[in-house]
Amino acid sequence: MEEIKTVKIRQMPKTQIRKHVIIVRVQHNVGVLSRITGLFAGRGYNIESLTVGQTHEPNIARITIVVNGDERVVEQIVKQLRKLIETLKVRDITDVPHIERELALIKIHTADSDVRDEIMRLTNIFRGKVIDVSHDTYTVEITGNHEKIDAFIDLVKPFGLKDVSRTGVLAVVRESQKDKVEV
């Protein structure tokens, strides 16, 4: 009688779901943004942040996308992005040293002079600017990473937030690291 051997199947390691920052350079054509966001929606992934703008080159746009996902799924999305006709370059810079910044415009209720003084003090500590003043509102501009902006919002929330408007993340690879990694 033959002995039946059991085969051990090695399980694939579970990949960690984390934030990925993807930079895409594209031809600035009608519908390109729709096709790019469709790739994410088609895979069931929500884009956490999306920032699009022109570059110094004519008809070229730069898109910064922040998405939560595992390595395998993000790798597939990057491959699909590269297949789009308008796509010139795609990079997942998550593990490359880079700089991220966001901008927030925050309207804060200013009940009296003590509150206005405290908001000015906090704004200065966070290196922000008061960009508009009315009888009962200060509008503050803060730039930085999302942790800095979240911290400022948490501190001024007790005064009464009237409105918060945030941009998406902008990211660039640190110039000092370009020689060490291909970008």
N, C-alpha and C. Protein backbone atom coordinates (compact mmCIF):
# COMPACT_ATOMS: atom_id res chain seq x y z
N MET A 1 0.82 -1.16 0.00
CA MET A 1 0.00 0.00 0.00
C MET A 1 0.88 1.24 0.00
N GLU A 2 0.56 2.16 -0.89
CA GLU A 2 1.35 3.39 -1.00
C GLU A 2 1.03 4.35 0.10
N GLU A 3 2.07 4.97 0.56
CA GLU A 3 1.89 5.97 1.61
C GLU A 3 1.50 7.30 0.96
N ILE A 4 0.50 7.91 1.48
CA ILE A 4 0.05 9.20 0.95
C ILE A 4 0.82 10.30 1.67
N LYS A 5 1.47 11.10 0.86
CA LYS A 5 2.24 12.19 1.42
C LYS A 5 1.39 13.46 1.41
N THR A 6 1.49 14.16 2.47
CA THR A 6 0.78 15.45 2.51
C THR A 6 1.74 16.53 2.05
N VAL A 7 1.20 17.38 1.29
CA VAL A 7 1.99 18.49 0.78
C VAL A 7 1.65 19.72 1.60
N LYS A 8 2.66 20.32 2.13
CA LYS A 8 2.44 21.54 2.89
C LYS A 8 2.45 22.72 1.92
N ILE A 9 1.39 23.45 1.97
CA ILE A 9 1.30 24.65 1.13
C ILE A 9 1.70 25.84 1.98
N ARG A 10 2.70 26.49 1.50
CA ARG A 10 3.16 27.66 2.23
C ARG A 10 2.19 28.81 2.00
N GLN A 11 1.71 29.36 3.08
CA GLN A 11 0.78 30.48 2.96
C GLN A 11 1.54 31.73 2.57
N MET A 12 0.89 32.49 1.72
CA MET A 12 1.46 33.77 1.34
C MET A 12 1.40 34.70 2.55
N PRO A 13 2.45 35.43 2.79
CA PRO A 13 2.39 36.35 3.92
C PRO A 13 1.33 37.42 3.69
N LYS A 14 0.63 37.74 4.76
CA LYS A 14 -0.37 38.78 4.64
C LYS A 14 0.35 40.11 4.50
N THR A 15 -0.06 40.84 3.51
CA THR A 15 0.58 42.14 3.34
C THR A 15 -0.19 43.18 4.12
N GLN A 16 0.54 44.12 4.57
CA GLN A 16 -0.01 45.16 5.42
C GLN A 16 -0.71 46.22 4.58
N ILE A 17 -1.89 46.61 5.00
CA ILE A 17 -2.58 47.71 4.35
C ILE A 17 -2.05 49.00 4.96
N ARG A 18 -1.57 49.88 4.09
CA ARG A 18 -1.00 51.13 4.56
C ARG A 18 -1.21 52.21 3.52
N LYS A 19 -0.82 53.42 3.89
CA LYS A 19 -0.96 54.56 3.00
C LYS A 19 0.13 54.50 1.93
N HIS A 20 -0.27 54.71 0.68
CA HIS A 20 0.66 54.79 -0.44
C HIS A 20 0.52 56.14 -1.10
N VAL A 21 1.65 56.74 -1.47
CA VAL A 21 1.67 58.00 -2.19
C VAL A 21 2.16 57.70 -3.60
N ILE A 22 1.30 57.97 -4.58
CA ILE A 22 1.61 57.67 -5.98
C ILE A 22 1.64 58.98 -6.76
N ILE A 23 2.71 59.17 -7.52
CA ILE A 23 2.87 60.35 -8.36
C ILE A 23 2.69 59.91 -9.82
N VAL A 24 1.83 60.62 -10.55
CA VAL A 24 1.56 60.29 -11.95
C VAL A 24 1.74 61.56 -12.78
N ARG A 25 2.56 61.47 -13.82
CA ARG A 25 2.67 62.56 -14.78
C ARG A 25 1.92 62.13 -16.03
N VAL A 26 1.04 63.00 -16.50
CA VAL A 26 0.17 62.66 -17.62
C VAL A 26 0.10 63.81 -18.62
N GLN A 27 -0.33 63.46 -19.83
CA GLN A 27 -0.69 64.50 -20.79
C GLN A 27 -1.99 65.11 -20.29
N HIS A 28 -2.07 66.41 -20.31
CA HIS A 28 -3.22 67.12 -19.74
C HIS A 28 -4.37 67.14 -20.75
N ASN A 29 -5.01 65.98 -20.94
CA ASN A 29 -6.10 65.82 -21.89
C ASN A 29 -7.43 65.69 -21.18
N VAL A 30 -8.50 65.96 -21.90
CA VAL A 30 -9.85 65.81 -21.36
C VAL A 30 -10.10 64.34 -21.03
N GLY A 31 -10.62 64.07 -19.83
CA GLY A 31 -11.00 62.72 -19.44
C GLY A 31 -9.93 61.87 -18.80
N VAL A 32 -8.68 62.34 -18.80
CA VAL A 32 -7.61 61.51 -18.24
C VAL A 32 -7.81 61.28 -16.74
N LEU A 33 -8.24 62.31 -16.02
CA LEU A 33 -8.47 62.15 -14.58
C LEU A 33 -9.58 61.14 -14.31
N SER A 34 -10.60 61.17 -15.12
CA SER A 34 -11.71 60.22 -14.97
C SER A 34 -11.23 58.78 -15.18
N ARG A 35 -10.40 58.56 -16.17
CA ARG A 35 -9.88 57.21 -16.42
C ARG A 35 -8.99 56.74 -15.27
N ILE A 36 -8.20 57.65 -14.73
CA ILE A 36 -7.30 57.29 -13.63
C ILE A 36 -8.10 56.94 -12.38
N THR A 37 -9.05 57.78 -12.01
CA THR A 37 -9.84 57.49 -10.81
C THR A 37 -10.69 56.24 -11.01
N GLY A 38 -11.08 55.95 -12.25
CA GLY A 38 -11.85 54.75 -12.54
C GLY A 38 -11.08 53.47 -12.24
N LEU A 39 -9.76 53.51 -12.42
CA LEU A 39 -8.94 52.34 -12.09
C LEU A 39 -9.05 52.00 -10.60
N PHE A 40 -9.04 53.03 -9.77
CA PHE A 40 -9.13 52.80 -8.33
C PHE A 40 -10.53 52.32 -7.95
N ALA A 41 -11.54 52.97 -8.50
CA ALA A 41 -12.92 52.60 -8.19
C ALA A 41 -13.21 51.18 -8.66
N GLY A 42 -12.66 50.81 -9.81
CA GLY A 42 -12.88 49.47 -10.35
C GLY A 42 -12.31 48.38 -9.46
N ARG A 43 -11.30 48.72 -8.69
CA ARG A 43 -10.70 47.75 -7.76
C ARG A 43 -11.28 47.89 -6.35
N GLY A 44 -12.21 48.81 -6.18
CA GLY A 44 -12.87 48.96 -4.88
C GLY A 44 -12.05 49.72 -3.85
N TYR A 45 -11.12 50.55 -4.31
CA TYR A 45 -10.30 51.32 -3.38
C TYR A 45 -10.67 52.79 -3.44
N ASN A 46 -10.79 53.36 -2.26
CA ASN A 46 -11.12 54.76 -2.15
C ASN A 46 -9.83 55.58 -2.19
N ILE A 47 -9.86 56.64 -2.95
CA ILE A 47 -8.73 57.56 -2.98
C ILE A 47 -8.87 58.48 -1.77
N GLU A 48 -7.85 58.47 -0.91
CA GLU A 48 -7.88 59.30 0.30
C GLU A 48 -7.63 60.76 -0.03
N SER A 49 -6.76 61.01 -1.00
CA SER A 49 -6.39 62.36 -1.38
C SER A 49 -6.01 62.36 -2.85
N LEU A 50 -6.41 63.42 -3.55
CA LEU A 50 -6.12 63.54 -4.98
C LEU A 50 -5.82 65.00 -5.27
N THR A 51 -4.63 65.27 -5.79
CA THR A 51 -4.24 66.62 -6.12
C THR A 51 -3.73 66.64 -7.56
N VAL A 52 -4.24 67.56 -8.35
CA VAL A 52 -3.88 67.65 -9.76
C VAL A 52 -3.48 69.08 -10.07
N GLY A 53 -2.42 69.24 -10.85
CA GLY A 53 -2.02 70.58 -11.26
C GLY A 53 -1.09 70.53 -12.45
N GLN A 54 -1.00 71.66 -13.12
CA GLN A 54 -0.10 71.77 -14.26
C GLN A 54 1.34 71.77 -13.77
N THR A 55 2.23 71.36 -14.65
CA THR A 55 3.66 71.41 -14.35
C THR A 55 4.27 72.58 -15.12
N HIS A 56 5.57 72.70 -15.06
CA HIS A 56 6.27 73.74 -15.80
C HIS A 56 6.33 73.42 -17.30
N GLU A 57 5.98 72.20 -17.66
CA GLU A 57 5.98 71.80 -19.06
C GLU A 57 4.57 71.97 -19.64
N PRO A 58 4.48 72.49 -20.86
CA PRO A 58 3.16 72.70 -21.46
C PRO A 58 2.40 71.38 -21.65
N ASN A 59 1.12 71.40 -21.34
CA ASN A 59 0.21 70.25 -21.53
C ASN A 59 0.58 69.02 -20.73
N ILE A 60 1.34 69.18 -19.64
CA ILE A 60 1.68 68.07 -18.75
C ILE A 60 1.11 68.38 -17.37
N ALA A 61 0.41 67.42 -16.79
CA ALA A 61 -0.14 67.57 -15.45
C ALA A 61 0.52 66.57 -14.51
N ARG A 62 0.53 66.92 -13.25
CA ARG A 62 1.09 66.05 -12.21
C ARG A 62 -0.03 65.72 -11.24
N ILE A 63 -0.20 64.46 -10.98
CA ILE A 63 -1.26 63.99 -10.09
C ILE A 63 -0.61 63.30 -8.90
N THR A 64 -1.00 63.71 -7.69
CA THR A 64 -0.55 63.04 -6.48
C THR A 64 -1.75 62.33 -5.90
N ILE A 65 -1.64 61.02 -5.75
CA ILE A 65 -2.74 60.20 -5.25
C ILE A 65 -2.30 59.52 -3.96
N VAL A 66 -3.13 59.62 -2.93
CA VAL A 66 -2.89 58.91 -1.68
C VAL A 66 -4.01 57.89 -1.54
N VAL A 67 -3.63 56.62 -1.36
CA VAL A 67 -4.60 55.54 -1.24
C VAL A 67 -4.13 54.56 -0.18
N ASN A 68 -5.06 53.97 0.54
CA ASN A 68 -4.73 52.90 1.49
C ASN A 68 -4.91 51.57 0.79
N GLY A 69 -3.90 50.72 0.89
CA GLY A 69 -3.99 49.41 0.26
C GLY A 69 -2.76 48.59 0.57
N ASP A 70 -2.81 47.31 0.17
CA ASP A 70 -1.63 46.47 0.37
C ASP A 70 -0.73 46.56 -0.87
N GLU A 71 0.48 46.06 -0.73
CA GLU A 71 1.49 46.17 -1.79
C GLU A 71 1.01 45.58 -3.11
N ARG A 72 0.38 44.42 -3.03
CA ARG A 72 -0.03 43.70 -4.24
C ARG A 72 -1.05 44.50 -5.04
N VAL A 73 -2.06 45.03 -4.37
CA VAL A 73 -3.11 45.79 -5.06
C VAL A 73 -2.55 47.09 -5.63
N VAL A 74 -1.73 47.79 -4.85
CA VAL A 74 -1.17 49.06 -5.32
C VAL A 74 -0.23 48.80 -6.52
N GLU A 75 0.50 47.71 -6.47
CA GLU A 75 1.37 47.36 -7.61
C GLU A 75 0.54 47.14 -8.87
N GLN A 76 -0.60 46.48 -8.74
CA GLN A 76 -1.47 46.25 -9.89
C GLN A 76 -2.04 47.57 -10.42
N ILE A 77 -2.42 48.45 -9.52
CA ILE A 77 -2.94 49.75 -9.94
C ILE A 77 -1.87 50.54 -10.68
N VAL A 78 -0.64 50.52 -10.17
CA VAL A 78 0.47 51.23 -10.83
C VAL A 78 0.68 50.67 -12.23
N LYS A 79 0.63 49.34 -12.38
CA LYS A 79 0.79 48.73 -13.71
C LYS A 79 -0.33 49.16 -14.65
N GLN A 80 -1.56 49.22 -14.13
CA GLN A 80 -2.68 49.65 -14.96
C GLN A 80 -2.55 51.12 -15.35
N LEU A 81 -2.08 51.95 -14.41
CA LEU A 81 -1.88 53.37 -14.72
C LEU A 81 -0.85 53.53 -15.84
N ARG A 82 0.18 52.72 -15.83
CA ARG A 82 1.22 52.81 -16.87
C ARG A 82 0.69 52.44 -18.25
N LYS A 83 -0.39 51.66 -18.30
CA LYS A 83 -0.95 51.25 -19.59
C LYS A 83 -1.80 52.34 -20.25
N LEU A 84 -2.23 53.33 -19.47
CA LEU A 84 -3.03 54.40 -20.06
C LEU A 84 -2.20 55.20 -21.05
N ILE A 85 -2.79 55.54 -22.16
CA ILE A 85 -2.08 56.23 -23.24
C ILE A 85 -1.49 57.56 -22.77
N GLU A 86 -2.25 58.31 -21.98
CA GLU A 86 -1.81 59.64 -21.56
C GLU A 86 -0.74 59.62 -20.47
N THR A 87 -0.53 58.47 -19.85
CA THR A 87 0.42 58.39 -18.73
C THR A 87 1.86 58.45 -19.24
N LEU A 88 2.63 59.36 -18.67
CA LEU A 88 4.03 59.51 -19.03
C LEU A 88 4.94 58.84 -18.01
N LYS A 89 4.58 58.93 -16.73
CA LYS A 89 5.42 58.36 -15.68
C LYS A 89 4.57 58.09 -14.44
N VAL A 90 4.82 56.96 -13.78
CA VAL A 90 4.12 56.60 -12.54
C VAL A 90 5.15 56.14 -11.53
N ARG A 91 5.03 56.63 -10.30
CA ARG A 91 5.92 56.21 -9.22
C ARG A 91 5.14 56.08 -7.93
N ASP A 92 5.34 54.97 -7.23
CA ASP A 92 4.86 54.84 -5.85
C ASP A 92 6.04 55.27 -5.00
N ILE A 93 5.95 56.46 -4.39
CA ILE A 93 7.08 57.01 -3.64
C ILE A 93 6.95 56.76 -2.14
N THR A 94 6.07 55.85 -1.77
CA THR A 94 5.81 55.57 -0.36
C THR A 94 7.08 55.28 0.43
N ASP A 95 7.96 54.46 -0.12
CA ASP A 95 9.16 54.06 0.60
C ASP A 95 10.41 54.86 0.21
N VAL A 96 10.21 55.90 -0.57
CA VAL A 96 11.30 56.79 -0.97
C VAL A 96 11.22 58.03 -0.08
N PRO A 97 12.34 58.52 0.43
CA PRO A 97 12.28 59.75 1.23
C PRO A 97 11.67 60.89 0.42
N HIS A 98 10.60 61.45 0.94
CA HIS A 98 9.90 62.50 0.22
C HIS A 98 9.30 63.52 1.19
N ILE A 99 8.87 64.62 0.63
CA ILE A 99 8.25 65.69 1.40
C ILE A 99 6.77 65.73 1.04
N GLU A 100 5.92 65.79 2.05
CA GLU A 100 4.47 65.90 1.84
C GLU A 100 3.99 67.19 2.48
N ARG A 101 3.09 67.88 1.79
CA ARG A 101 2.47 69.08 2.34
C ARG A 101 1.00 69.12 1.95
N GLU A 102 0.22 69.74 2.83
CA GLU A 102 -1.18 69.99 2.62
C GLU A 102 -1.44 71.45 2.98
N LEU A 103 -2.51 72.00 2.48
CA LEU A 103 -2.93 73.35 2.83
C LEU A 103 -4.34 73.27 3.40
N ALA A 104 -4.59 74.02 4.45
CA ALA A 104 -5.94 74.09 5.03
C ALA A 104 -6.32 75.55 5.23
N LEU A 105 -7.55 75.87 4.89
CA LEU A 105 -8.16 77.16 5.20
C LEU A 105 -9.24 76.88 6.24
N ILE A 106 -9.11 77.52 7.40
CA ILE A 106 -9.97 77.20 8.54
C ILE A 106 -10.63 78.48 9.04
N LYS A 107 -11.96 78.48 9.05
CA LYS A 107 -12.71 79.60 9.59
C LYS A 107 -13.05 79.29 11.04
N ILE A 108 -12.65 80.22 11.93
CA ILE A 108 -12.81 80.00 13.37
C ILE A 108 -13.65 81.13 13.96
N HIS A 109 -14.60 80.76 14.79
CA HIS A 109 -15.45 81.75 15.47
C HIS A 109 -14.61 82.51 16.49
N THR A 110 -14.70 83.84 16.46
CA THR A 110 -13.97 84.68 17.41
C THR A 110 -14.98 85.47 18.23
N ALA A 111 -15.28 84.96 19.40
CA ALA A 111 -16.32 85.56 20.24
C ALA A 111 -15.89 86.89 20.86
N ASP A 112 -14.64 86.99 21.28
CA ASP A 112 -14.19 88.22 21.95
C ASP A 112 -12.69 88.39 21.75
N SER A 113 -12.12 89.42 22.33
CA SER A 113 -10.70 89.72 22.12
C SER A 113 -9.78 88.65 22.72
N ASP A 114 -10.19 88.03 23.81
CA ASP A 114 -9.36 86.96 24.40
C ASP A 114 -9.25 85.78 23.43
N VAL A 115 -10.37 85.42 22.80
CA VAL A 115 -10.38 84.33 21.83
C VAL A 115 -9.53 84.71 20.63
N ARG A 116 -9.66 85.94 20.14
CA ARG A 116 -8.86 86.39 18.99
C ARG A 116 -7.37 86.32 19.32
N ASP A 117 -7.00 86.74 20.53
CA ASP A 117 -5.60 86.68 20.94
C ASP A 117 -5.09 85.23 20.98
N GLU A 118 -5.90 84.34 21.52
CA GLU A 118 -5.50 82.93 21.61
C GLU A 118 -5.37 82.31 20.21
N ILE A 119 -6.29 82.63 19.31
CA ILE A 119 -6.21 82.10 17.95
C ILE A 119 -4.95 82.64 17.25
N MET A 120 -4.64 83.91 17.46
CA MET A 120 -3.43 84.48 16.88
C MET A 120 -2.18 83.79 17.44
N ARG A 121 -2.18 83.52 18.74
CA ARG A 121 -1.05 82.84 19.37
C ARG A 121 -0.86 81.45 18.77
N LEU A 122 -1.94 80.68 18.66
CA LEU A 122 -1.86 79.33 18.09
C LEU A 122 -1.44 79.37 16.62
N THR A 123 -1.98 80.34 15.89
CA THR A 123 -1.63 80.48 14.48
C THR A 123 -0.14 80.75 14.33
N ASN A 124 0.41 81.60 15.18
CA ASN A 124 1.84 81.89 15.12
C ASN A 124 2.69 80.68 15.49
N ILE A 125 2.27 79.94 16.49
CA ILE A 125 2.99 78.74 16.89
C ILE A 125 3.06 77.74 15.74
N PHE A 126 1.96 77.62 15.00
CA PHE A 126 1.88 76.67 13.89
C PHE A 126 2.37 77.27 12.56
N ARG A 127 2.95 78.47 12.64
CA ARG A 127 3.48 79.17 11.47
C ARG A 127 2.41 79.35 10.39
N GLY A 128 1.21 79.66 10.84
CA GLY A 128 0.12 79.92 9.91
C GLY A 128 -0.05 81.41 9.69
N LYS A 129 -1.08 81.75 8.94
CA LYS A 129 -1.39 83.15 8.68
C LYS A 129 -2.88 83.37 8.81
N VAL A 130 -3.24 84.50 9.41
CA VAL A 130 -4.64 84.92 9.37
C VAL A 130 -4.79 85.65 8.05
N ILE A 131 -5.67 85.13 7.18
CA ILE A 131 -5.79 85.71 5.83
C ILE A 131 -7.08 86.48 5.63
N ASP A 132 -8.01 86.38 6.60
CA ASP A 132 -9.24 87.15 6.51
C ASP A 132 -9.80 87.36 7.92
N VAL A 133 -10.31 88.55 8.14
CA VAL A 133 -10.85 88.89 9.44
C VAL A 133 -12.22 89.52 9.23
N SER A 134 -13.18 89.09 10.02
CA SER A 134 -14.49 89.75 10.05
C SER A 134 -14.83 90.01 11.51
N HIS A 135 -16.02 90.51 11.75
CA HIS A 135 -16.44 90.86 13.10
C HIS A 135 -16.34 89.67 14.07
N ASP A 136 -16.71 88.48 13.60
CA ASP A 136 -16.72 87.31 14.50
C ASP A 136 -16.02 86.08 13.93
N THR A 137 -15.14 86.28 12.93
CA THR A 137 -14.46 85.13 12.31
C THR A 137 -13.04 85.49 11.91
N TYR A 138 -12.13 84.56 12.16
CA TYR A 138 -10.78 84.60 11.59
C TYR A 138 -10.70 83.44 10.60
N THR A 139 -10.13 83.70 9.44
CA THR A 139 -9.81 82.62 8.51
C THR A 139 -8.30 82.46 8.53
N VAL A 140 -7.87 81.23 8.84
CA VAL A 140 -6.45 80.93 9.03
C VAL A 140 -6.00 79.98 7.93
N GLU A 141 -4.80 80.24 7.43
CA GLU A 141 -4.16 79.37 6.44
C GLU A 141 -3.01 78.63 7.14
N ILE A 142 -3.04 77.30 7.06
CA ILE A 142 -2.01 76.46 7.66
C ILE A 142 -1.49 75.51 6.58
N THR A 143 -0.18 75.38 6.48
CA THR A 143 0.40 74.38 5.60
C THR A 143 1.28 73.45 6.42
N GLY A 144 1.38 72.22 5.97
CA GLY A 144 2.21 71.24 6.65
C GLY A 144 1.73 69.84 6.34
N ASN A 145 2.25 68.87 7.08
CA ASN A 145 1.76 67.51 6.90
C ASN A 145 0.41 67.37 7.60
N HIS A 146 -0.28 66.28 7.33
CA HIS A 146 -1.64 66.16 7.85
C HIS A 146 -1.67 66.12 9.38
N GLU A 147 -0.62 65.61 10.02
CA GLU A 147 -0.59 65.59 11.49
C GLU A 147 -0.59 67.01 12.06
N LYS A 148 0.18 67.89 11.45
CA LYS A 148 0.25 69.28 11.91
C LYS A 148 -1.11 69.96 11.75
N ILE A 149 -1.73 69.76 10.60
CA ILE A 149 -3.03 70.39 10.35
C ILE A 149 -4.08 69.82 11.30
N ASP A 150 -4.08 68.50 11.50
CA ASP A 150 -5.02 67.88 12.45
C ASP A 150 -4.83 68.43 13.85
N ALA A 151 -3.57 68.61 14.26
CA ALA A 151 -3.28 69.13 15.60
C ALA A 151 -3.81 70.55 15.76
N PHE A 152 -3.62 71.38 14.74
CA PHE A 152 -4.13 72.76 14.82
C PHE A 152 -5.65 72.76 14.91
N ILE A 153 -6.29 71.97 14.09
CA ILE A 153 -7.76 71.90 14.10
C ILE A 153 -8.26 71.45 15.47
N ASP A 154 -7.61 70.44 16.06
CA ASP A 154 -8.02 69.98 17.39
C ASP A 154 -7.90 71.08 18.43
N LEU A 155 -6.88 71.92 18.33
CA LEU A 155 -6.68 72.99 19.30
C LEU A 155 -7.69 74.14 19.16
N VAL A 156 -8.11 74.43 17.94
CA VAL A 156 -9.04 75.55 17.75
C VAL A 156 -10.51 75.12 17.73
N LYS A 157 -10.74 73.82 17.70
CA LYS A 157 -12.12 73.30 17.68
C LYS A 157 -12.98 73.83 18.83
N PRO A 158 -12.46 73.93 20.05
CA PRO A 158 -13.30 74.43 21.15
C PRO A 158 -13.83 75.86 20.94
N PHE A 159 -13.16 76.65 20.10
CA PHE A 159 -13.62 78.01 19.85
C PHE A 159 -14.82 78.04 18.90
N GLY A 160 -14.97 76.97 18.13
CA GLY A 160 -16.06 76.87 17.17
C GLY A 160 -15.57 77.00 15.75
N LEU A 161 -15.55 75.89 15.05
CA LEU A 161 -15.15 75.90 13.64
C LEU A 161 -16.37 76.24 12.79
N LYS A 162 -16.19 77.18 11.88
CA LYS A 162 -17.26 77.53 10.95
C LYS A 162 -17.11 76.77 9.64
N ASP A 163 -15.86 76.53 9.24
CA ASP A 163 -15.62 75.82 8.00
C ASP A 163 -14.16 75.37 7.96
N VAL A 164 -13.91 74.22 7.35
CA VAL A 164 -12.56 73.72 7.13
C VAL A 164 -12.49 73.24 5.69
N SER A 165 -11.50 73.74 4.97
CA SER A 165 -11.27 73.34 3.59
C SER A 165 -9.81 72.93 3.46
N ARG A 166 -9.60 71.68 3.00
CA ARG A 166 -8.23 71.16 2.90
C ARG A 166 -7.94 70.72 1.47
N THR A 167 -6.70 70.94 1.07
CA THR A 167 -6.26 70.43 -0.22
C THR A 167 -5.89 68.97 -0.03
N GLY A 168 -5.58 68.32 -1.12
CA GLY A 168 -5.01 67.00 -1.02
C GLY A 168 -3.52 67.12 -0.75
N VAL A 169 -2.88 65.98 -0.62
CA VAL A 169 -1.44 65.94 -0.35
C VAL A 169 -0.68 66.25 -1.63
N LEU A 170 0.33 67.09 -1.50
CA LEU A 170 1.33 67.27 -2.55
C LEU A 170 2.60 66.61 -2.05
N ALA A 171 3.31 65.93 -2.93
CA ALA A 171 4.52 65.23 -2.50
C ALA A 171 5.59 65.32 -3.58
N VAL A 172 6.82 65.48 -3.13
CA VAL A 172 7.99 65.43 -4.02
C VAL A 172 9.08 64.61 -3.34
N VAL A 173 9.87 63.95 -4.15
CA VAL A 173 10.99 63.17 -3.63
C VAL A 173 12.06 64.15 -3.18
N ARG A 174 12.68 63.84 -2.06
CA ARG A 174 13.77 64.69 -1.56
C ARG A 174 14.92 64.67 -2.56
N GLU A 175 15.36 65.83 -2.95
CA GLU A 175 16.43 65.96 -3.94
C GLU A 175 17.72 65.29 -3.46
N SER A 176 18.00 65.35 -2.17
CA SER A 176 19.22 64.76 -1.62
C SER A 176 19.21 63.24 -1.73
N GLN A 177 18.07 62.64 -1.99
CA GLN A 177 17.98 61.18 -2.04
C GLN A 177 17.94 60.64 -3.48
N LYS A 178 17.90 61.54 -4.47
CA LYS A 178 17.76 61.10 -5.86
C LYS A 178 18.91 60.20 -6.31
N ASP A 179 20.12 60.46 -5.83
CA ASP A 179 21.26 59.64 -6.23
C ASP A 179 21.18 58.23 -5.65
N LYS A 180 20.48 58.08 -4.53
CA LYS A 180 20.42 56.79 -3.85
C LYS A 180 19.32 55.88 -4.38
N VAL A 181 18.27 56.48 -4.94
CA VAL A 181 17.14 55.69 -5.46
C VAL A 181 16.73 56.24 -6.81
N GLU A 182 16.27 55.37 -7.69
CA GLU A 182 15.77 55.82 -8.98
C GLU A 182 14.39 56.41 -8.79
N VAL A 183 14.19 57.59 -9.30
CA VAL A 183 12.88 58.26 -9.17
C VAL A 183 12.32 58.51 -10.53
